[in-house]
């Protein structure tokens, strides 16, 4: 993947982040949602006598290239044994592919394994992050995972015993980690190697 920051970069100063971003907007003549930035330095000048200064480095965001995704799907779907169509949306540097069509529900069988296989392949061929969805599968999946993770976390909190969950992909693990850490006194970690890993849920301070 080409590094987004290969574009020319400029540095901007301000008393706080908002002022530095405003300076960047004025010089670049574009709203802040159209450029990326990173904080270079954040320091207090003259031992705090003259206030703080923050320096950011900003660069233009690149237009998301959906061509590899649409080219792959337009080539594959006419020969695919399911009647499917799709639409593509772009938001926050992510390409979203939403499947529809007569056989769309078959994508969701076996816990969405075919849908997630599409996502895996599309992320391999696209220079940008790709997320796929169908019939709000992601929203429902995330809700179930959050509820399950918090149920396990509460159980660990009550018993004090560690729990190890089944193998999960990175997308599933991220949801579980966030949900578990919302239960006071409980944390989690991924264990194992490879794409699929298990998650251990345990009390803070205990391994």
N, C-alpha and C. Protein backbone atom coordinates (compact mmCIF):
# COMPACT_ATOMS: atom_id res chain seq x y z
N UNK A 1 0.84 -1.19 0.00
CA UNK A 1 0.00 0.00 0.00
C UNK A 1 0.88 1.25 0.00
N UNK A 2 0.55 2.17 -0.84
CA UNK A 2 1.33 3.41 -0.90
C UNK A 2 1.08 4.22 0.33
N UNK A 3 2.11 4.77 0.90
CA UNK A 3 1.98 5.56 2.12
C UNK A 3 1.28 6.86 1.81
N UNK A 4 0.19 7.10 2.56
CA UNK A 4 -0.59 8.31 2.33
C UNK A 4 0.25 9.56 2.51
N UNK A 5 1.27 9.49 3.38
CA UNK A 5 2.04 10.67 3.70
C UNK A 5 3.16 10.92 2.70
N UNK A 6 3.10 10.26 1.53
CA UNK A 6 4.09 10.54 0.49
C UNK A 6 3.84 11.89 -0.16
N UNK A 7 2.64 12.48 0.07
CA UNK A 7 2.35 13.81 -0.44
C UNK A 7 3.15 14.84 0.35
N UNK A 8 3.41 16.02 -0.27
CA UNK A 8 4.13 17.08 0.45
C UNK A 8 3.42 17.42 1.75
N UNK A 9 4.21 17.64 2.80
CA UNK A 9 3.66 17.94 4.11
C UNK A 9 4.12 19.32 4.56
N UNK A 10 3.30 19.95 5.38
CA UNK A 10 3.66 21.24 5.95
C UNK A 10 3.39 21.19 7.45
N UNK A 11 4.10 22.02 8.19
CA UNK A 11 3.92 22.09 9.64
C UNK A 11 3.20 23.38 10.01
N UNK A 12 2.36 23.27 11.06
CA UNK A 12 1.56 24.41 11.50
C UNK A 12 1.58 24.46 13.03
N UNK A 13 1.61 25.69 13.56
CA UNK A 13 1.70 25.88 15.00
C UNK A 13 0.43 26.51 15.54
N UNK A 14 0.22 26.32 16.84
CA UNK A 14 -0.90 26.95 17.51
C UNK A 14 -0.76 26.79 19.01
N UNK A 15 -1.57 27.53 19.76
CA UNK A 15 -1.55 27.42 21.21
C UNK A 15 -2.21 26.12 21.67
N UNK A 16 -3.05 25.55 20.80
CA UNK A 16 -3.69 24.27 21.08
C UNK A 16 -3.97 23.59 19.74
N UNK A 17 -4.50 22.37 19.79
CA UNK A 17 -4.71 21.60 18.56
C UNK A 17 -5.70 22.29 17.63
N UNK A 18 -6.77 22.83 18.18
CA UNK A 18 -7.79 23.47 17.35
C UNK A 18 -7.20 24.68 16.60
N UNK A 19 -6.36 25.45 17.28
CA UNK A 19 -5.76 26.62 16.63
C UNK A 19 -4.78 26.18 15.54
N UNK A 20 -4.01 25.11 15.78
CA UNK A 20 -3.09 24.62 14.76
C UNK A 20 -3.85 24.09 13.55
N UNK A 21 -4.96 23.39 13.79
CA UNK A 21 -5.78 22.90 12.68
C UNK A 21 -6.40 24.06 11.91
N UNK A 22 -6.83 25.09 12.63
CA UNK A 22 -7.36 26.28 11.96
C UNK A 22 -6.32 26.96 11.09
N UNK A 23 -5.08 27.01 11.56
CA UNK A 23 -4.00 27.57 10.78
C UNK A 23 -3.79 26.75 9.50
N UNK A 24 -3.84 25.42 9.65
CA UNK A 24 -3.67 24.55 8.48
C UNK A 24 -4.80 24.76 7.48
N UNK A 25 -6.03 24.90 7.97
CA UNK A 25 -7.17 25.15 7.08
C UNK A 25 -6.96 26.44 6.29
N UNK A 26 -6.48 27.47 6.97
CA UNK A 26 -6.28 28.78 6.32
C UNK A 26 -5.21 28.70 5.23
N UNK A 27 -4.10 28.03 5.52
CA UNK A 27 -3.00 27.96 4.56
C UNK A 27 -3.32 27.01 3.41
N UNK A 28 -3.87 25.84 3.74
CA UNK A 28 -4.16 24.84 2.71
C UNK A 28 -5.43 25.19 1.93
N UNK A 29 -6.27 26.05 2.53
CA UNK A 29 -7.52 26.50 1.90
C UNK A 29 -8.49 25.34 1.67
N UNK A 30 -8.52 24.42 2.63
CA UNK A 30 -9.47 23.31 2.59
C UNK A 30 -9.92 23.02 4.03
N UNK A 31 -11.13 22.47 4.22
CA UNK A 31 -11.58 22.13 5.58
C UNK A 31 -10.77 20.99 6.17
N UNK A 32 -10.71 20.90 7.48
CA UNK A 32 -9.83 19.93 8.14
C UNK A 32 -10.19 18.49 7.83
N UNK A 33 -11.47 18.20 7.47
CA UNK A 33 -11.81 16.82 7.16
C UNK A 33 -11.19 16.33 5.85
N UNK A 34 -10.59 17.27 5.08
CA UNK A 34 -9.97 16.87 3.82
C UNK A 34 -8.45 16.71 3.92
N UNK A 35 -7.91 16.86 5.14
CA UNK A 35 -6.47 16.59 5.29
C UNK A 35 -6.24 15.74 6.53
N UNK A 36 -5.15 14.99 6.50
CA UNK A 36 -4.72 14.21 7.66
C UNK A 36 -3.63 14.98 8.39
N UNK A 37 -3.42 14.63 9.67
CA UNK A 37 -2.38 15.34 10.42
C UNK A 37 -1.83 14.43 11.51
N UNK A 38 -0.66 14.80 11.99
CA UNK A 38 -0.08 14.16 13.16
C UNK A 38 0.56 15.24 14.02
N UNK A 39 0.61 15.01 15.31
CA UNK A 39 1.22 15.97 16.22
C UNK A 39 2.73 15.75 16.23
N UNK A 40 3.48 16.79 15.92
CA UNK A 40 4.94 16.71 15.88
C UNK A 40 5.52 16.97 17.26
N UNK A 41 5.13 18.09 17.85
CA UNK A 41 5.59 18.42 19.21
C UNK A 41 4.46 19.10 19.96
N UNK A 42 4.50 18.96 21.26
CA UNK A 42 3.56 19.65 22.14
C UNK A 42 4.35 20.01 23.39
N UNK A 43 4.58 21.31 23.60
CA UNK A 43 5.48 21.68 24.69
C UNK A 43 5.01 22.98 25.34
N UNK A 44 5.51 23.19 26.52
CA UNK A 44 5.26 24.44 27.25
C UNK A 44 6.47 25.35 27.06
N UNK A 45 6.23 26.57 26.59
CA UNK A 45 7.33 27.50 26.31
C UNK A 45 7.75 28.24 27.56
N UNK A 46 9.05 28.36 27.75
CA UNK A 46 9.64 29.16 28.83
C UNK A 46 9.03 28.80 30.19
N UNK A 47 9.02 27.50 30.46
CA UNK A 47 8.57 26.99 31.76
C UNK A 47 7.13 27.43 32.08
N UNK A 48 6.34 27.56 31.06
CA UNK A 48 4.93 27.88 31.27
C UNK A 48 4.61 29.35 31.34
N UNK A 49 5.63 30.20 31.29
CA UNK A 49 5.37 31.64 31.43
C UNK A 49 4.60 32.18 30.23
N UNK A 50 4.94 31.65 29.04
CA UNK A 50 4.30 32.17 27.83
C UNK A 50 3.32 31.17 27.22
N UNK A 51 2.87 30.21 27.99
CA UNK A 51 1.86 29.30 27.50
C UNK A 51 2.41 28.14 26.71
N UNK A 52 1.48 27.38 26.10
CA UNK A 52 1.84 26.17 25.38
C UNK A 52 1.90 26.41 23.87
N UNK A 53 2.58 25.50 23.21
CA UNK A 53 2.65 25.53 21.75
C UNK A 53 2.54 24.10 21.23
N UNK A 54 1.75 23.91 20.20
CA UNK A 54 1.63 22.60 19.57
C UNK A 54 1.96 22.74 18.10
N UNK A 55 2.69 21.78 17.56
CA UNK A 55 3.06 21.77 16.15
C UNK A 55 2.50 20.50 15.52
N UNK A 56 1.79 20.66 14.42
CA UNK A 56 1.26 19.50 13.70
C UNK A 56 1.84 19.48 12.29
N UNK A 57 1.88 18.30 11.72
CA UNK A 57 2.26 18.12 10.32
C UNK A 57 1.01 17.67 9.57
N UNK A 58 0.65 18.36 8.49
CA UNK A 58 -0.59 18.08 7.76
C UNK A 58 -0.31 17.77 6.30
N UNK A 59 -1.16 16.92 5.72
CA UNK A 59 -1.04 16.57 4.30
C UNK A 59 -2.43 16.23 3.75
N UNK A 60 -2.61 16.44 2.47
CA UNK A 60 -3.90 16.21 1.83
C UNK A 60 -4.25 14.73 1.85
N UNK A 61 -5.52 14.44 2.12
CA UNK A 61 -5.99 13.06 2.01
C UNK A 61 -6.10 12.68 0.54
N UNK A 62 -5.81 11.44 0.27
CA UNK A 62 -5.93 10.97 -1.10
C UNK A 62 -7.36 10.48 -1.37
N UNK A 63 -7.81 10.67 -2.59
CA UNK A 63 -9.11 10.15 -2.99
C UNK A 63 -9.05 8.63 -2.98
N UNK A 64 -10.06 8.01 -2.36
CA UNK A 64 -10.07 6.55 -2.28
C UNK A 64 -10.28 5.96 -3.67
N UNK A 65 -9.43 5.01 -4.02
CA UNK A 65 -9.49 4.35 -5.32
C UNK A 65 -10.32 3.08 -5.19
N UNK A 66 -11.54 3.10 -5.71
CA UNK A 66 -12.41 1.93 -5.62
C UNK A 66 -12.26 1.01 -6.83
N UNK A 67 -11.43 1.38 -7.78
CA UNK A 67 -11.33 0.60 -9.01
C UNK A 67 -10.96 -0.87 -8.79
N UNK A 68 -9.95 -1.20 -7.96
CA UNK A 68 -9.63 -2.63 -7.77
C UNK A 68 -10.81 -3.42 -7.22
N UNK A 69 -11.61 -2.81 -6.34
CA UNK A 69 -12.75 -3.49 -5.75
C UNK A 69 -13.84 -3.73 -6.79
N UNK A 70 -14.24 -2.67 -7.49
CA UNK A 70 -15.31 -2.82 -8.47
C UNK A 70 -14.88 -3.69 -9.65
N UNK A 71 -13.62 -3.58 -10.04
CA UNK A 71 -13.13 -4.40 -11.15
C UNK A 71 -13.19 -5.89 -10.79
N UNK A 72 -12.78 -6.22 -9.56
CA UNK A 72 -12.81 -7.61 -9.12
C UNK A 72 -14.25 -8.14 -9.07
N UNK A 73 -15.15 -7.36 -8.46
CA UNK A 73 -16.53 -7.82 -8.30
C UNK A 73 -17.25 -7.91 -9.65
N UNK A 74 -17.01 -6.94 -10.53
CA UNK A 74 -17.66 -6.96 -11.84
C UNK A 74 -17.18 -8.13 -12.69
N UNK A 75 -15.96 -8.59 -12.45
CA UNK A 75 -15.43 -9.75 -13.17
C UNK A 75 -15.95 -11.04 -12.57
N UNK A 76 -16.04 -11.10 -11.23
CA UNK A 76 -16.41 -12.34 -10.55
C UNK A 76 -17.90 -12.62 -10.57
N UNK A 77 -18.74 -11.65 -10.25
CA UNK A 77 -20.15 -11.91 -9.98
C UNK A 77 -20.92 -12.51 -11.15
N UNK A 78 -20.64 -12.17 -12.42
CA UNK A 78 -21.37 -12.83 -13.51
C UNK A 78 -21.17 -14.34 -13.53
N UNK A 79 -20.07 -14.84 -12.99
CA UNK A 79 -19.78 -16.28 -13.00
C UNK A 79 -20.02 -16.91 -11.63
N UNK A 80 -20.37 -16.11 -10.64
CA UNK A 80 -20.55 -16.61 -9.28
C UNK A 80 -21.88 -17.32 -9.19
N UNK A 81 -21.97 -18.44 -8.44
CA UNK A 81 -23.21 -19.22 -8.41
C UNK A 81 -24.32 -18.62 -7.56
N UNK A 82 -24.23 -17.36 -7.20
CA UNK A 82 -25.28 -16.68 -6.47
C UNK A 82 -25.67 -15.41 -7.22
N UNK A 83 -26.96 -15.07 -7.13
CA UNK A 83 -27.45 -13.83 -7.74
C UNK A 83 -27.24 -12.68 -6.76
N UNK A 84 -26.20 -11.88 -7.03
CA UNK A 84 -25.84 -10.80 -6.12
C UNK A 84 -25.59 -9.52 -6.90
N UNK A 85 -25.86 -8.41 -6.28
CA UNK A 85 -25.37 -7.12 -6.77
C UNK A 85 -24.86 -6.35 -5.57
N UNK A 86 -24.32 -5.17 -5.80
CA UNK A 86 -23.66 -4.44 -4.71
C UNK A 86 -23.64 -2.96 -5.00
N UNK A 87 -23.39 -2.20 -3.96
CA UNK A 87 -23.10 -0.77 -4.11
C UNK A 87 -21.89 -0.43 -3.25
N UNK A 88 -21.17 0.59 -3.67
CA UNK A 88 -19.94 0.99 -2.99
C UNK A 88 -20.11 2.39 -2.43
N UNK A 89 -19.68 2.56 -1.18
CA UNK A 89 -19.67 3.87 -0.54
C UNK A 89 -18.28 4.14 0.02
N UNK A 90 -17.93 5.40 0.14
CA UNK A 90 -16.63 5.79 0.68
C UNK A 90 -16.84 6.74 1.83
N UNK A 91 -16.18 6.44 2.97
CA UNK A 91 -16.30 7.30 4.14
C UNK A 91 -15.10 7.09 5.04
N UNK A 92 -14.53 8.20 5.50
CA UNK A 92 -13.43 8.15 6.48
C UNK A 92 -12.32 7.19 6.06
N UNK A 93 -11.90 7.30 4.81
CA UNK A 93 -10.78 6.53 4.28
C UNK A 93 -11.05 5.02 4.27
N UNK A 94 -12.34 4.63 4.28
CA UNK A 94 -12.73 3.23 4.19
C UNK A 94 -13.71 3.06 3.05
N UNK A 95 -13.57 1.97 2.30
CA UNK A 95 -14.51 1.61 1.23
C UNK A 95 -15.51 0.61 1.79
N UNK A 96 -16.78 0.93 1.66
CA UNK A 96 -17.84 0.04 2.14
C UNK A 96 -18.53 -0.61 0.94
N UNK A 97 -18.63 -1.93 0.97
CA UNK A 97 -19.32 -2.68 -0.08
C UNK A 97 -20.56 -3.30 0.55
N UNK A 98 -21.75 -2.92 0.07
CA UNK A 98 -23.00 -3.44 0.60
C UNK A 98 -23.63 -4.35 -0.45
N UNK A 99 -23.74 -5.63 -0.11
CA UNK A 99 -24.29 -6.61 -1.03
C UNK A 99 -25.81 -6.65 -0.93
N UNK A 100 -26.44 -6.95 -2.08
CA UNK A 100 -27.88 -7.11 -2.17
C UNK A 100 -28.14 -8.18 -3.23
N UNK A 101 -29.38 -8.39 -3.57
CA UNK A 101 -29.69 -9.35 -4.63
C UNK A 101 -30.50 -10.54 -4.12
N UNK A 102 -30.96 -11.33 -5.05
CA UNK A 102 -31.86 -12.46 -4.75
C UNK A 102 -31.28 -13.44 -3.74
N UNK A 103 -29.98 -13.70 -3.82
CA UNK A 103 -29.34 -14.70 -2.95
C UNK A 103 -28.53 -14.08 -1.82
N UNK A 104 -28.84 -12.85 -1.46
CA UNK A 104 -28.02 -12.15 -0.46
C UNK A 104 -27.99 -12.88 0.88
N UNK A 105 -29.10 -13.51 1.26
CA UNK A 105 -29.13 -14.16 2.58
C UNK A 105 -28.18 -15.35 2.67
N UNK A 106 -27.80 -15.92 1.51
CA UNK A 106 -26.85 -17.04 1.54
C UNK A 106 -25.46 -16.57 1.97
N UNK A 107 -25.18 -15.29 1.82
CA UNK A 107 -23.90 -14.75 2.29
C UNK A 107 -23.78 -14.82 3.81
N UNK A 108 -24.93 -14.90 4.48
CA UNK A 108 -24.95 -14.80 5.94
C UNK A 108 -25.00 -16.15 6.63
N UNK A 109 -25.04 -17.23 5.87
CA UNK A 109 -25.06 -18.55 6.48
C UNK A 109 -23.73 -18.85 7.17
N UNK A 110 -23.79 -19.75 8.14
CA UNK A 110 -22.59 -20.13 8.91
C UNK A 110 -21.90 -18.89 9.47
N UNK A 111 -22.72 -18.05 10.11
CA UNK A 111 -22.23 -16.85 10.78
C UNK A 111 -21.50 -15.91 9.82
N UNK A 112 -22.05 -15.80 8.61
CA UNK A 112 -21.51 -14.83 7.65
C UNK A 112 -20.15 -15.20 7.07
N UNK A 113 -19.84 -16.50 7.02
CA UNK A 113 -18.50 -16.92 6.58
C UNK A 113 -18.20 -16.50 5.15
N UNK A 114 -19.19 -16.58 4.26
CA UNK A 114 -18.95 -16.19 2.87
C UNK A 114 -18.80 -14.68 2.75
N UNK A 115 -19.59 -13.94 3.50
CA UNK A 115 -19.48 -12.47 3.49
C UNK A 115 -18.10 -12.04 3.96
N UNK A 116 -17.63 -12.66 5.04
CA UNK A 116 -16.32 -12.31 5.57
C UNK A 116 -15.19 -12.77 4.65
N UNK A 117 -15.44 -13.85 3.87
CA UNK A 117 -14.44 -14.27 2.88
C UNK A 117 -14.30 -13.21 1.78
N UNK A 118 -15.43 -12.62 1.36
CA UNK A 118 -15.37 -11.52 0.40
C UNK A 118 -14.55 -10.37 0.97
N UNK A 119 -14.79 -10.04 2.24
CA UNK A 119 -14.06 -8.93 2.85
C UNK A 119 -12.57 -9.22 2.88
N UNK A 120 -12.20 -10.45 3.22
CA UNK A 120 -10.78 -10.82 3.28
C UNK A 120 -10.11 -10.65 1.92
N UNK A 121 -10.75 -11.14 0.87
CA UNK A 121 -10.18 -11.05 -0.47
C UNK A 121 -10.08 -9.61 -0.94
N UNK A 122 -11.14 -8.82 -0.71
CA UNK A 122 -11.15 -7.43 -1.17
C UNK A 122 -10.08 -6.60 -0.46
N UNK A 123 -9.82 -6.90 0.79
CA UNK A 123 -8.76 -6.19 1.50
C UNK A 123 -7.38 -6.57 0.97
N UNK A 124 -7.26 -7.75 0.38
CA UNK A 124 -5.98 -8.16 -0.20
C UNK A 124 -5.69 -7.41 -1.50
N UNK A 125 -6.73 -7.07 -2.24
CA UNK A 125 -6.51 -6.47 -3.57
C UNK A 125 -6.66 -4.95 -3.56
N UNK A 126 -7.22 -4.38 -2.51
CA UNK A 126 -7.46 -2.94 -2.47
C UNK A 126 -6.35 -2.23 -1.70
N UNK A 127 -5.94 -1.05 -2.15
CA UNK A 127 -4.95 -0.26 -1.40
C UNK A 127 -5.56 0.43 -0.19
N UNK A 128 -6.89 0.31 -0.01
CA UNK A 128 -7.58 0.94 1.10
C UNK A 128 -8.35 -0.11 1.90
N UNK A 129 -8.67 0.22 3.14
CA UNK A 129 -9.46 -0.68 3.97
C UNK A 129 -10.84 -0.87 3.38
N UNK A 130 -11.31 -2.12 3.37
CA UNK A 130 -12.62 -2.46 2.83
C UNK A 130 -13.45 -3.14 3.90
N UNK A 131 -14.69 -2.71 4.04
CA UNK A 131 -15.64 -3.39 4.91
C UNK A 131 -16.86 -3.78 4.09
N UNK A 132 -17.31 -5.02 4.24
CA UNK A 132 -18.49 -5.49 3.50
C UNK A 132 -19.65 -5.67 4.46
N UNK A 133 -20.85 -5.59 3.93
CA UNK A 133 -22.04 -5.75 4.77
C UNK A 133 -23.20 -6.24 3.91
N UNK A 134 -24.19 -6.81 4.59
CA UNK A 134 -25.41 -7.28 3.93
C UNK A 134 -26.49 -7.42 4.99
N UNK A 135 -27.63 -6.79 4.74
CA UNK A 135 -28.75 -6.89 5.68
C UNK A 135 -28.35 -6.49 7.11
N UNK A 136 -27.50 -5.48 7.21
CA UNK A 136 -27.04 -4.96 8.51
C UNK A 136 -26.40 -6.06 9.35
N UNK A 137 -25.71 -6.98 8.68
CA UNK A 137 -25.04 -8.09 9.38
C UNK A 137 -24.05 -7.58 10.42
N UNK A 138 -23.24 -6.59 10.05
CA UNK A 138 -22.20 -6.11 10.95
C UNK A 138 -22.81 -5.54 12.23
N UNK A 139 -23.87 -4.76 12.07
CA UNK A 139 -24.49 -4.14 13.25
C UNK A 139 -25.03 -5.21 14.19
N UNK A 140 -25.70 -6.23 13.63
CA UNK A 140 -26.26 -7.29 14.46
C UNK A 140 -25.16 -8.15 15.08
N UNK A 141 -24.12 -8.42 14.29
CA UNK A 141 -22.99 -9.20 14.79
C UNK A 141 -22.30 -8.48 15.94
N UNK A 142 -22.06 -7.20 15.78
CA UNK A 142 -21.39 -6.43 16.83
C UNK A 142 -22.22 -6.40 18.10
N UNK A 143 -23.55 -6.28 17.96
CA UNK A 143 -24.43 -6.25 19.14
C UNK A 143 -24.34 -7.58 19.89
N UNK A 144 -24.40 -8.70 19.16
CA UNK A 144 -24.33 -10.01 19.81
C UNK A 144 -22.97 -10.22 20.50
N UNK A 145 -21.90 -9.81 19.82
CA UNK A 145 -20.57 -9.98 20.40
C UNK A 145 -20.40 -9.14 21.66
N UNK A 146 -20.86 -7.89 21.62
CA UNK A 146 -20.75 -7.03 22.80
C UNK A 146 -21.51 -7.62 23.98
N UNK A 147 -22.73 -8.11 23.72
CA UNK A 147 -23.52 -8.68 24.80
C UNK A 147 -22.86 -9.94 25.36
N UNK A 148 -22.33 -10.79 24.47
CA UNK A 148 -21.67 -12.01 24.90
C UNK A 148 -20.41 -11.69 25.71
N UNK A 149 -19.60 -10.74 25.22
CA UNK A 149 -18.36 -10.40 25.89
C UNK A 149 -18.63 -9.83 27.28
N UNK A 150 -19.63 -8.98 27.41
CA UNK A 150 -19.92 -8.39 28.71
C UNK A 150 -20.52 -9.42 29.66
N UNK A 151 -21.26 -10.39 29.13
CA UNK A 151 -21.77 -11.47 29.96
C UNK A 151 -20.62 -12.30 30.55
N UNK A 152 -19.63 -12.62 29.69
CA UNK A 152 -18.46 -13.37 30.16
C UNK A 152 -17.68 -12.54 31.17
N UNK A 153 -17.51 -11.25 30.89
CA UNK A 153 -16.75 -10.38 31.79
C UNK A 153 -17.41 -10.31 33.17
N UNK A 154 -18.74 -10.23 33.21
CA UNK A 154 -19.45 -10.20 34.50
C UNK A 154 -19.30 -11.53 35.24
N UNK A 155 -19.30 -12.61 34.47
CA UNK A 155 -19.11 -13.92 35.08
C UNK A 155 -17.72 -14.02 35.72
N UNK A 156 -16.70 -13.53 35.00
CA UNK A 156 -15.33 -13.53 35.54
C UNK A 156 -15.26 -12.65 36.78
N UNK A 157 -15.96 -11.52 36.75
CA UNK A 157 -15.97 -10.62 37.90
C UNK A 157 -16.58 -11.31 39.12
N UNK A 158 -17.62 -12.11 38.91
CA UNK A 158 -18.31 -12.77 40.02
C UNK A 158 -17.52 -13.96 40.57
N UNK A 159 -16.87 -14.71 39.67
CA UNK A 159 -16.19 -15.94 40.09
C UNK A 159 -14.71 -15.76 40.36
N UNK A 160 -14.10 -14.73 39.72
CA UNK A 160 -12.66 -14.54 39.85
C UNK A 160 -11.84 -15.50 39.02
N UNK A 161 -12.51 -16.32 38.19
CA UNK A 161 -11.82 -17.31 37.36
C UNK A 161 -11.68 -16.81 35.92
N UNK A 162 -10.51 -17.04 35.33
CA UNK A 162 -10.29 -16.67 33.94
C UNK A 162 -11.22 -17.45 33.01
N UNK A 163 -11.56 -16.84 31.89
CA UNK A 163 -12.32 -17.52 30.83
C UNK A 163 -11.60 -17.32 29.51
N UNK A 164 -11.54 -18.38 28.70
CA UNK A 164 -10.92 -18.30 27.38
C UNK A 164 -11.99 -18.54 26.32
N UNK A 165 -12.12 -17.61 25.38
CA UNK A 165 -13.17 -17.67 24.36
C UNK A 165 -12.69 -18.41 23.12
N UNK A 166 -13.64 -18.75 22.26
CA UNK A 166 -13.32 -19.47 21.02
C UNK A 166 -12.49 -18.60 20.08
N UNK A 167 -11.96 -19.23 19.04
CA UNK A 167 -11.16 -18.52 18.05
C UNK A 167 -11.97 -17.41 17.38
N UNK A 168 -11.33 -16.26 17.19
CA UNK A 168 -11.99 -15.12 16.56
C UNK A 168 -11.03 -14.43 15.61
N UNK A 169 -11.59 -13.75 14.61
CA UNK A 169 -10.77 -12.97 13.69
C UNK A 169 -10.50 -11.59 14.29
N UNK A 170 -9.63 -10.77 13.69
CA UNK A 170 -9.28 -9.46 14.29
C UNK A 170 -10.48 -8.54 14.49
N UNK A 171 -11.42 -8.55 13.55
CA UNK A 171 -12.62 -7.71 13.66
C UNK A 171 -13.43 -8.09 14.90
N UNK A 172 -13.63 -9.40 15.11
CA UNK A 172 -14.39 -9.86 16.27
C UNK A 172 -13.64 -9.58 17.57
N UNK A 173 -12.32 -9.80 17.56
CA UNK A 173 -11.54 -9.58 18.78
C UNK A 173 -11.59 -8.12 19.23
N UNK A 174 -11.54 -7.22 18.29
CA UNK A 174 -11.56 -5.79 18.64
C UNK A 174 -12.86 -5.45 19.39
N UNK A 175 -13.99 -5.95 18.91
CA UNK A 175 -15.29 -5.69 19.55
C UNK A 175 -15.29 -6.26 20.97
N UNK A 176 -14.78 -7.48 21.11
CA UNK A 176 -14.78 -8.15 22.41
C UNK A 176 -13.88 -7.41 23.40
N UNK A 177 -12.69 -7.03 22.97
CA UNK A 177 -11.77 -6.32 23.87
C UNK A 177 -12.41 -5.04 24.40
N UNK A 178 -13.05 -4.28 23.52
CA UNK A 178 -13.67 -3.02 23.94
C UNK A 178 -14.78 -3.28 24.94
N UNK A 179 -15.63 -4.30 24.66
CA UNK A 179 -16.76 -4.61 25.54
C UNK A 179 -16.29 -5.11 26.89
N UNK A 180 -15.30 -5.99 26.92
CA UNK A 180 -14.80 -6.54 28.18
C UNK A 180 -14.24 -5.44 29.07
N UNK A 181 -13.50 -4.53 28.48
CA UNK A 181 -12.83 -3.50 29.27
C UNK A 181 -13.79 -2.43 29.79
N UNK A 182 -15.07 -2.54 29.43
CA UNK A 182 -16.07 -1.65 30.00
C UNK A 182 -16.60 -2.16 31.32
N UNK A 183 -16.25 -3.41 31.68
CA UNK A 183 -16.65 -3.98 32.97
C UNK A 183 -15.54 -3.68 33.98
N UNK A 184 -15.82 -2.96 35.05
CA UNK A 184 -14.78 -2.57 36.01
C UNK A 184 -14.02 -3.78 36.57
N UNK A 185 -12.69 -3.65 36.60
CA UNK A 185 -11.86 -4.67 37.19
C UNK A 185 -11.54 -5.84 36.30
N UNK A 186 -12.02 -5.82 35.06
CA UNK A 186 -11.83 -6.95 34.15
C UNK A 186 -11.10 -6.47 32.90
N UNK A 187 -10.21 -7.29 32.37
CA UNK A 187 -9.50 -6.96 31.14
C UNK A 187 -9.39 -8.22 30.27
N UNK A 188 -8.73 -8.10 29.15
CA UNK A 188 -8.64 -9.23 28.22
C UNK A 188 -7.36 -9.12 27.40
N UNK A 189 -6.96 -10.25 26.81
CA UNK A 189 -5.81 -10.26 25.91
C UNK A 189 -5.99 -11.36 24.89
N UNK A 190 -5.43 -11.14 23.69
CA UNK A 190 -5.45 -12.16 22.65
C UNK A 190 -4.31 -13.14 22.89
N UNK A 191 -4.58 -14.42 22.67
CA UNK A 191 -3.55 -15.44 22.84
C UNK A 191 -3.53 -16.33 21.60
N UNK A 192 -2.33 -16.79 21.23
CA UNK A 192 -2.19 -17.63 20.06
C UNK A 192 -1.49 -16.91 18.94
N UNK A 193 -1.32 -17.59 17.84
CA UNK A 193 -0.65 -17.05 16.66
C UNK A 193 -1.58 -17.14 15.45
N UNK A 194 -1.30 -16.32 14.45
CA UNK A 194 -2.05 -16.41 13.21
C UNK A 194 -3.23 -15.47 13.16
N UNK A 195 -4.03 -15.61 12.11
CA UNK A 195 -5.17 -14.74 11.85
C UNK A 195 -6.26 -14.92 12.91
N UNK A 196 -6.54 -16.17 13.27
CA UNK A 196 -7.54 -16.47 14.30
C UNK A 196 -6.85 -16.67 15.65
N UNK A 197 -7.35 -16.00 16.67
CA UNK A 197 -6.79 -16.12 18.00
C UNK A 197 -7.92 -16.23 19.02
N UNK A 198 -7.58 -16.76 20.19
CA UNK A 198 -8.53 -16.81 21.29
C UNK A 198 -8.34 -15.57 22.17
N UNK A 199 -9.34 -15.28 22.97
CA UNK A 199 -9.26 -14.16 23.90
C UNK A 199 -9.41 -14.69 25.32
N UNK A 200 -8.48 -14.30 26.17
CA UNK A 200 -8.55 -14.64 27.59
C UNK A 200 -9.12 -13.43 28.34
N UNK A 201 -10.15 -13.69 29.15
CA UNK A 201 -10.79 -12.65 29.95
C UNK A 201 -10.43 -12.94 31.41
N UNK A 202 -9.91 -11.94 32.11
CA UNK A 202 -9.43 -12.18 33.46
C UNK A 202 -9.47 -10.90 34.29
N UNK A 203 -9.46 -11.06 35.63
CA UNK A 203 -9.45 -9.87 36.50
C UNK A 203 -8.14 -9.11 36.36
N UNK A 204 -8.21 -7.79 36.44
CA UNK A 204 -7.00 -6.96 36.39
C UNK A 204 -6.10 -7.33 37.56
N UNK A 205 -4.80 -7.52 37.23
CA UNK A 205 -3.86 -7.89 38.27
C UNK A 205 -3.67 -9.38 38.37
N UNK A 206 -4.48 -10.16 37.63
CA UNK A 206 -4.35 -11.61 37.64
C UNK A 206 -4.09 -12.08 36.22
N UNK A 207 -3.10 -13.01 36.00
CA UNK A 207 -2.79 -13.54 34.68
C UNK A 207 -3.09 -15.01 34.64
